[in-house]
């Protein structure tokens, strides 16, 4: 096999492994909430975020592009009052201000 072909196969395998790890982390969030384990919940949520960035990179996108899409998505959710998170608790405004300080908007 040519080196390029090996790289494509290696990358495809890694993409699939990362997707499986994302599913595992999602399951761990569920498990942590059922067990009321703060440590398990937070570690699993951190895995979801980290793995999402790693998968983004393996799929050929820059981390900053994911960030920009995320900011746009949060702003849209804020306008739609996604699951009433904004009107009830202001979660989306809080998250947006945390991720993108006012001077950078």
C-alpha atoms as a PDB file:
ATOM      1  CA  UNK A   1       0.000   0.000   0.000  1.00  0.00           C
ATOM      2  CA  UNK A   2       1.059   3.557  -0.633  1.00  0.00           C
ATOM      3  CA  UNK A   3       1.786   5.837   2.346  1.00  0.00           C
ATOM      4  CA  UNK A   4      -1.151   8.099   1.431  1.00  0.00           C
ATOM      5  CA  UNK A   5      -3.542   5.154   1.415  1.00  0.00           C
ATOM      6  CA  UNK A   6      -2.229   4.037   4.797  1.00  0.00           C
ATOM      7  CA  UNK A   7      -2.786   7.528   6.183  1.00  0.00           C
ATOM      8  CA  UNK A   8      -6.408   7.550   4.958  1.00  0.00           C
ATOM      9  CA  UNK A   9      -7.050   4.139   6.522  1.00  0.00           C
ATOM     10  CA  UNK A  10      -5.336   5.159   9.754  1.00  0.00           C
ATOM     11  CA  UNK A  11      -7.346   8.395   9.877  1.00  0.00           C
ATOM     12  CA  UNK A  12     -10.632   6.569   9.162  1.00  0.00           C
ATOM     13  CA  UNK A  13      -9.943   4.124  11.947  1.00  0.00           C
ATOM     14  CA  UNK A  14      -9.136   6.944  14.377  1.00  0.00           C
ATOM     15  CA  UNK A  15     -12.349   8.792  13.410  1.00  0.00           C
ATOM     16  CA  UNK A  16     -14.385   5.693  14.200  1.00  0.00           C
ATOM     17  CA  UNK A  17     -12.551   5.200  17.503  1.00  0.00           C
ATOM     18  CA  UNK A  18     -13.249   8.805  18.507  1.00  0.00           C
ATOM     19  CA  UNK A  19     -16.940   8.436  17.647  1.00  0.00           C
ATOM     20  CA  UNK A  20     -17.126   5.335  19.847  1.00  0.00           C
ATOM     21  CA  UNK A  21     -15.405   7.219  22.677  1.00  0.00           C
ATOM     22  CA  UNK A  22     -17.959  10.027  22.316  1.00  0.00           C
ATOM     23  CA  UNK A  23     -20.761   7.519  22.753  1.00  0.00           C
ATOM     24  CA  UNK A  24     -19.028   6.027  25.787  1.00  0.00           C
ATOM     25  CA  UNK A  25     -18.633   9.477  27.334  1.00  0.00           C
ATOM     26  CA  UNK A  26     -22.309  10.202  26.734  1.00  0.00           C
ATOM     27  CA  UNK A  27     -23.194   6.949  28.482  1.00  0.00           C
ATOM     28  CA  UNK A  28     -20.877   7.907  31.367  1.00  0.00           C
ATOM     29  CA  UNK A  29     -22.782  11.180  31.795  1.00  0.00           C
ATOM     30  CA  UNK A  30     -25.979   9.146  32.144  1.00  0.00           C
ATOM     31  CA  UNK A  31     -24.319   6.762  34.552  1.00  0.00           C
ATOM     32  CA  UNK A  32     -22.932   9.637  36.608  1.00  0.00           C
ATOM     33  CA  UNK A  33     -26.321  11.319  36.888  1.00  0.00           C
ATOM     34  CA  UNK A  34     -27.972   8.063  37.944  1.00  0.00           C
ATOM     35  CA  UNK A  35     -25.313   7.593  40.627  1.00  0.00           C
ATOM     36  CA  UNK A  36     -25.301  11.282  41.579  1.00  0.00           C
ATOM     37  CA  UNK A  37     -21.534  11.274  41.034  1.00  0.00           C
ATOM     38  CA  UNK A  38     -20.302  14.818  40.516  1.00  0.00           C
ATOM     39  CA  UNK A  39     -16.828  13.542  39.607  1.00  0.00           C
ATOM     40  CA  UNK A  40     -18.129  11.125  36.965  1.00  0.00           C
ATOM     41  CA  UNK A  41     -20.473  13.728  35.479  1.00  0.00           C
ATOM     42  CA  UNK A  42     -17.776  16.398  35.178  1.00  0.00           C
ATOM     43  CA  UNK A  43     -15.130  14.008  33.849  1.00  0.00           C
ATOM     44  CA  UNK A  44     -17.580  12.675  31.274  1.00  0.00           C
ATOM     45  CA  UNK A  45     -18.640  16.154  30.190  1.00  0.00           C
ATOM     46  CA  UNK A  46     -14.972  17.119  29.824  1.00  0.00           C
ATOM     47  CA  UNK A  47     -14.438  14.011  27.677  1.00  0.00           C
ATOM     48  CA  UNK A  48     -17.369  15.001  25.450  1.00  0.00           C
ATOM     49  CA  UNK A  49     -15.899  18.453  24.882  1.00  0.00           C
ATOM     50  CA  UNK A  50     -12.323  17.246  24.370  1.00  0.00           C
ATOM     51  CA  UNK A  51     -13.302  14.383  22.085  1.00  0.00           C
ATOM     52  CA  UNK A  52     -15.482  16.731  20.033  1.00  0.00           C
ATOM     53  CA  UNK A  53     -12.462  18.938  19.368  1.00  0.00           C
ATOM     54  CA  UNK A  54     -10.273  15.957  18.516  1.00  0.00           C
ATOM     55  CA  UNK A  55     -12.877  14.513  16.152  1.00  0.00           C
ATOM     56  CA  UNK A  56     -13.278  17.926  14.525  1.00  0.00           C
ATOM     57  CA  UNK A  57      -9.546  17.952  13.794  1.00  0.00           C
ATOM     58  CA  UNK A  58      -9.532  14.384  12.430  1.00  0.00           C
ATOM     59  CA  UNK A  59     -12.432  15.341  10.145  1.00  0.00           C
ATOM     60  CA  UNK A  60     -10.254  18.070   8.665  1.00  0.00           C
ATOM     61  CA  UNK A  61     -11.559  21.199  10.401  1.00  0.00           C
ATOM     62  CA  UNK A  62      -9.705  23.722  12.544  1.00  0.00           C
ATOM     63  CA  UNK A  63     -10.601  24.024  16.214  1.00  0.00           C
ATOM     64  CA  UNK A  64     -11.409  27.701  15.651  1.00  0.00           C
ATOM     65  CA  UNK A  65     -13.971  26.796  13.011  1.00  0.00           C
ATOM     66  CA  UNK A  66     -15.791  24.590  15.513  1.00  0.00           C
ATOM     67  CA  UNK A  67     -15.682  27.478  17.977  1.00  0.00           C
ATOM     68  CA  UNK A  68     -17.257  29.859  15.456  1.00  0.00           C
ATOM     69  CA  UNK A  69     -20.008  27.389  14.609  1.00  0.00           C
ATOM     70  CA  UNK A  70     -20.623  26.821  18.316  1.00  0.00           C
ATOM     71  CA  UNK A  71     -20.935  30.565  19.011  1.00  0.00           C
ATOM     72  CA  UNK A  72     -23.394  30.916  16.149  1.00  0.00           C
ATOM     73  CA  UNK A  73     -25.397  27.904  17.378  1.00  0.00           C
ATOM     74  CA  UNK A  74     -25.612  29.284  20.909  1.00  0.00           C
ATOM     75  CA  UNK A  75     -26.762  32.671  19.593  1.00  0.00           C
ATOM     76  CA  UNK A  76     -29.475  30.930  17.550  1.00  0.00           C
ATOM     77  CA  UNK A  77     -30.578  28.900  20.577  1.00  0.00           C
ATOM     78  CA  UNK A  78     -30.700  32.125  22.556  1.00  0.00           C
ATOM     79  CA  UNK A  79     -33.035  33.699  19.995  1.00  0.00           C
ATOM     80  CA  UNK A  80     -35.229  30.566  19.907  1.00  0.00           C
ATOM     81  CA  UNK A  81     -35.229  30.248  23.713  1.00  0.00           C
ATOM     82  CA  UNK A  82     -33.996  26.674  23.282  1.00  0.00           C
ATOM     83  CA  UNK A  83     -35.748  24.453  25.843  1.00  0.00           C
ATOM     84  CA  UNK A  84     -36.594  27.681  27.701  1.00  0.00           C
ATOM     85  CA  UNK A  85     -33.027  27.742  28.993  1.00  0.00           C
ATOM     86  CA  UNK A  86     -32.741  31.453  28.290  1.00  0.00           C
ATOM     87  CA  UNK A  87     -36.059  32.684  29.666  1.00  0.00           C
ATOM     88  CA  UNK A  88     -35.912  30.487  32.761  1.00  0.00           C
ATOM     89  CA  UNK A  89     -32.250  30.758  33.753  1.00  0.00           C
ATOM     90  CA  UNK A  90     -30.352  32.885  31.243  1.00  0.00           C
ATOM     91  CA  UNK A  91     -28.032  29.935  30.567  1.00  0.00           C
ATOM     92  CA  UNK A  92     -27.369  30.785  26.925  1.00  0.00           C
ATOM     93  CA  UNK A  93     -26.448  34.420  27.602  1.00  0.00           C
ATOM     94  CA  UNK A  94     -24.201  33.277  30.410  1.00  0.00           C
ATOM     95  CA  UNK A  95     -22.522  30.663  28.212  1.00  0.00           C
ATOM     96  CA  UNK A  96     -22.079  33.068  25.316  1.00  0.00           C
ATOM     97  CA  UNK A  97     -20.558  35.737  27.574  1.00  0.00           C
ATOM     98  CA  UNK A  98     -18.243  33.098  29.065  1.00  0.00           C
ATOM     99  CA  UNK A  99     -17.064  31.821  25.676  1.00  0.00           C
ATOM    100  CA  UNK A 100     -16.991  35.154  23.852  1.00  0.00           C
ATOM    101  CA  UNK A 101     -16.243  38.164  26.049  1.00  0.00           C
ATOM    102  CA  UNK A 102     -18.247  41.302  25.210  1.00  0.00           C
ATOM    103  CA  UNK A 103     -15.233  43.086  23.665  1.00  0.00           C
ATOM    104  CA  UNK A 104     -14.722  40.204  21.196  1.00  0.00           C
ATOM    105  CA  UNK A 105     -18.304  40.121  19.879  1.00  0.00           C
END
